[in-house]
Amino acid sequence: MLGIQMKKIMILFTLWMLLPFSLFSQEIIQNPEKPLSSDAGRILQVEEVFRITDESGEFFFTQPSGLQVAEDDSIFLTD
């Protein structure tokens, strides 16, 4: 008898814990059969312009953060 009641309590508790996820989940968006953009399906080429490295052993970043780019394209970050 106690085992059946415990199972019911566990089921209700599990449903109660999952309730917020069902209430605040994302809306499913269906993609149209034909893309809306005329540029759909294009392939972009990635080009490396700049690389920060510590291969020479002269400098390195342990925990870079706070990246900012100034109007003159200077790059600032904190470490």
N, C-alpha and C. Protein backbone atom coordinates (compact mmCIF):
# COMPACT_ATOMS: atom_id res chain seq x y z
N MET A 1 0.82 -1.19 0.00
CA MET A 1 0.00 0.00 0.00
C MET A 1 0.87 1.26 0.00
N LEU A 2 1.88 1.28 0.85
CA LEU A 2 2.76 2.45 0.93
C LEU A 2 3.55 2.61 -0.37
N GLY A 3 3.91 1.50 -1.00
CA GLY A 3 4.66 1.55 -2.25
C GLY A 3 3.87 2.20 -3.36
N ILE A 4 2.58 1.93 -3.45
CA ILE A 4 1.72 2.53 -4.49
C ILE A 4 1.58 4.02 -4.26
N GLN A 5 1.39 4.43 -3.03
CA GLN A 5 1.26 5.85 -2.72
C GLN A 5 2.57 6.58 -3.02
N MET A 6 3.69 5.97 -2.72
CA MET A 6 4.99 6.58 -2.99
C MET A 6 5.19 6.76 -4.49
N LYS A 7 4.77 5.77 -5.29
CA LYS A 7 4.88 5.89 -6.74
C LYS A 7 4.03 7.03 -7.25
N LYS A 8 2.81 7.18 -6.71
CA LYS A 8 1.93 8.28 -7.12
C LYS A 8 2.55 9.62 -6.77
N ILE A 9 3.12 9.71 -5.58
CA ILE A 9 3.77 10.96 -5.16
C ILE A 9 4.95 11.28 -6.07
N MET A 10 5.74 10.29 -6.43
CA MET A 10 6.90 10.52 -7.32
C MET A 10 6.45 10.95 -8.71
N ILE A 11 5.38 10.35 -9.21
CA ILE A 11 4.85 10.74 -10.53
C ILE A 11 4.34 12.17 -10.49
N LEU A 12 3.59 12.52 -9.47
CA LEU A 12 3.08 13.89 -9.34
C LEU A 12 4.23 14.89 -9.18
N PHE A 13 5.23 14.53 -8.39
CA PHE A 13 6.38 15.42 -8.21
C PHE A 13 7.12 15.64 -9.52
N THR A 14 7.30 14.57 -10.29
CA THR A 14 7.98 14.68 -11.59
C THR A 14 7.19 15.56 -12.54
N LEU A 15 5.88 15.38 -12.60
CA LEU A 15 5.04 16.23 -13.45
C LEU A 15 5.09 17.68 -13.00
N TRP A 16 5.10 17.90 -11.69
CA TRP A 16 5.17 19.26 -11.15
C TRP A 16 6.50 19.92 -11.51
N MET A 17 7.59 19.15 -11.52
CA MET A 17 8.90 19.69 -11.87
C MET A 17 9.00 20.00 -13.36
N LEU A 18 8.32 19.24 -14.20
CA LEU A 18 8.37 19.44 -15.65
C LEU A 18 7.40 20.52 -16.13
N LEU A 19 6.46 20.92 -15.30
CA LEU A 19 5.46 21.91 -15.70
C LEU A 19 6.07 23.23 -16.17
N PRO A 20 7.05 23.83 -15.48
CA PRO A 20 7.62 25.09 -15.98
C PRO A 20 8.23 24.96 -17.37
N PHE A 21 8.84 23.81 -17.66
CA PHE A 21 9.44 23.63 -18.97
C PHE A 21 8.39 23.60 -20.07
N SER A 22 7.24 23.05 -19.79
CA SER A 22 6.19 23.00 -20.80
C SER A 22 5.51 24.35 -20.97
N LEU A 23 5.47 25.15 -19.91
CA LEU A 23 4.82 26.46 -20.00
C LEU A 23 5.69 27.50 -20.68
N PHE A 24 7.01 27.40 -20.53
CA PHE A 24 7.90 28.43 -21.05
C PHE A 24 8.83 27.92 -22.13
N SER A 25 8.44 26.89 -22.83
CA SER A 25 9.29 26.36 -23.89
C SER A 25 9.17 27.23 -25.14
N GLN A 26 10.12 27.06 -26.05
CA GLN A 26 10.12 27.85 -27.27
C GLN A 26 9.04 27.38 -28.23
N GLU A 27 8.59 28.32 -29.03
CA GLU A 27 7.61 28.01 -30.06
C GLU A 27 8.32 27.32 -31.23
N ILE A 28 7.72 26.30 -31.77
CA ILE A 28 8.29 25.60 -32.92
C ILE A 28 7.96 26.40 -34.17
N ILE A 29 9.00 26.71 -34.93
CA ILE A 29 8.83 27.49 -36.16
C ILE A 29 9.04 26.57 -37.35
N GLN A 30 8.08 26.53 -38.24
CA GLN A 30 8.17 25.71 -39.44
C GLN A 30 8.75 26.56 -40.57
N ASN A 31 9.79 26.05 -41.22
CA ASN A 31 10.38 26.77 -42.34
C ASN A 31 9.49 26.62 -43.58
N PRO A 32 9.39 27.68 -44.38
CA PRO A 32 8.60 27.58 -45.60
C PRO A 32 9.29 26.65 -46.60
N GLU A 33 8.52 26.08 -47.52
CA GLU A 33 9.10 25.19 -48.52
C GLU A 33 10.07 25.94 -49.42
N LYS A 34 9.72 27.17 -49.79
CA LYS A 34 10.59 27.99 -50.61
C LYS A 34 11.18 29.08 -49.72
N PRO A 35 12.51 29.22 -49.67
CA PRO A 35 13.12 30.26 -48.83
C PRO A 35 12.63 31.65 -49.22
N LEU A 36 12.47 32.52 -48.23
CA LEU A 36 11.99 33.87 -48.49
C LEU A 36 13.07 34.76 -49.11
N SER A 37 14.33 34.47 -48.86
CA SER A 37 15.42 35.30 -49.36
C SER A 37 15.87 34.84 -50.74
N SER A 38 16.23 35.80 -51.58
CA SER A 38 16.74 35.45 -52.91
C SER A 38 18.17 34.93 -52.82
N ASP A 39 18.88 35.22 -51.72
CA ASP A 39 20.25 34.76 -51.53
C ASP A 39 20.33 33.42 -50.80
N ALA A 40 19.23 32.77 -50.58
CA ALA A 40 19.23 31.52 -49.82
C ALA A 40 20.06 30.46 -50.52
N GLY A 41 20.81 29.69 -49.77
CA GLY A 41 21.62 28.62 -50.31
C GLY A 41 23.02 29.03 -50.71
N ARG A 42 23.35 30.31 -50.55
CA ARG A 42 24.69 30.75 -50.92
C ARG A 42 25.70 30.20 -49.93
N ILE A 43 26.94 30.09 -50.36
CA ILE A 43 28.01 29.56 -49.52
C ILE A 43 28.96 30.71 -49.23
N LEU A 44 29.21 30.94 -47.95
CA LEU A 44 30.12 32.01 -47.55
C LEU A 44 31.52 31.45 -47.38
N GLN A 45 32.50 32.21 -47.80
CA GLN A 45 33.89 31.83 -47.63
C GLN A 45 34.46 32.57 -46.43
N VAL A 46 35.10 31.83 -45.53
CA VAL A 46 35.70 32.42 -44.34
C VAL A 46 37.14 32.78 -44.67
N GLU A 47 37.52 34.01 -44.34
CA GLU A 47 38.87 34.48 -44.61
C GLU A 47 39.51 34.89 -43.29
N GLU A 48 40.67 34.34 -42.97
CA GLU A 48 41.37 34.73 -41.75
C GLU A 48 42.09 36.03 -42.00
N VAL A 49 41.76 37.03 -41.20
CA VAL A 49 42.35 38.35 -41.36
C VAL A 49 43.41 38.60 -40.29
N PHE A 50 43.16 38.10 -39.08
CA PHE A 50 44.05 38.40 -37.96
C PHE A 50 44.06 37.22 -37.01
N ARG A 51 45.19 36.92 -36.42
CA ARG A 51 45.29 35.81 -35.47
C ARG A 51 46.17 36.25 -34.30
N ILE A 52 45.72 35.99 -33.10
CA ILE A 52 46.51 36.22 -31.90
C ILE A 52 47.04 34.87 -31.45
N THR A 53 48.34 34.78 -31.28
CA THR A 53 48.94 33.50 -30.94
C THR A 53 50.04 33.69 -29.90
N ASP A 54 50.39 32.66 -29.22
CA ASP A 54 51.50 32.72 -28.29
C ASP A 54 52.55 31.67 -28.65
N GLU A 55 52.63 31.32 -29.92
CA GLU A 55 53.57 30.29 -30.36
C GLU A 55 55.02 30.68 -30.13
N SER A 56 55.33 31.98 -30.23
CA SER A 56 56.71 32.42 -30.03
C SER A 56 57.08 32.44 -28.56
N GLY A 57 56.09 32.33 -27.67
CA GLY A 57 56.36 32.32 -26.24
C GLY A 57 56.54 33.70 -25.64
N GLU A 58 56.38 34.76 -26.43
CA GLU A 58 56.59 36.11 -25.93
C GLU A 58 55.40 36.65 -25.16
N PHE A 59 54.21 36.22 -25.49
CA PHE A 59 53.03 36.69 -24.79
C PHE A 59 51.95 35.62 -24.85
N PHE A 60 51.00 35.70 -23.95
CA PHE A 60 49.86 34.80 -23.99
C PHE A 60 48.75 35.38 -23.13
N PHE A 61 47.56 34.94 -23.37
CA PHE A 61 46.40 35.35 -22.60
C PHE A 61 45.92 34.15 -21.80
N THR A 62 45.68 34.36 -20.50
CA THR A 62 45.20 33.25 -19.68
C THR A 62 43.68 33.19 -19.68
N GLN A 63 43.01 34.34 -19.53
CA GLN A 63 41.54 34.39 -19.54
C GLN A 63 41.09 35.68 -20.20
N PRO A 64 41.25 35.80 -21.51
CA PRO A 64 40.85 37.05 -22.18
C PRO A 64 39.34 37.25 -22.10
N SER A 65 38.93 38.49 -21.90
CA SER A 65 37.50 38.81 -21.83
C SER A 65 37.33 40.30 -22.13
N GLY A 66 36.11 40.74 -22.23
CA GLY A 66 35.80 42.15 -22.41
C GLY A 66 36.32 42.72 -23.72
N LEU A 67 36.21 41.98 -24.79
CA LEU A 67 36.71 42.44 -26.09
C LEU A 67 35.94 43.67 -26.55
N GLN A 68 36.66 44.72 -26.93
CA GLN A 68 36.06 45.95 -27.46
C GLN A 68 36.84 46.37 -28.70
N VAL A 69 36.15 46.86 -29.71
CA VAL A 69 36.77 47.37 -30.91
C VAL A 69 36.46 48.86 -31.00
N ALA A 70 37.51 49.68 -31.10
CA ALA A 70 37.35 51.13 -31.16
C ALA A 70 36.98 51.56 -32.58
N GLU A 71 36.64 52.84 -32.73
CA GLU A 71 36.25 53.36 -34.04
C GLU A 71 37.39 53.28 -35.05
N ASP A 72 38.65 53.35 -34.58
CA ASP A 72 39.80 53.26 -35.49
C ASP A 72 40.27 51.81 -35.68
N ASP A 73 39.40 50.85 -35.31
CA ASP A 73 39.66 49.42 -35.43
C ASP A 73 40.71 48.89 -34.47
N SER A 74 41.07 49.65 -33.45
CA SER A 74 41.95 49.14 -32.39
C SER A 74 41.17 48.13 -31.57
N ILE A 75 41.85 47.11 -31.09
CA ILE A 75 41.21 46.06 -30.31
C ILE A 75 41.71 46.14 -28.87
N PHE A 76 40.78 46.15 -27.92
CA PHE A 76 41.11 46.17 -26.51
C PHE A 76 40.46 44.97 -25.85
N LEU A 77 41.20 44.33 -24.92
CA LEU A 77 40.62 43.27 -24.13
C LEU A 77 41.31 43.23 -22.78
N THR A 78 40.63 42.63 -21.81
CA THR A 78 41.20 42.47 -20.49
C THR A 78 41.58 41.03 -20.29
N ASP A 79 42.62 40.83 -19.47
CA ASP A 79 43.08 39.47 -19.19
C ASP A 79 43.16 39.30 -17.70
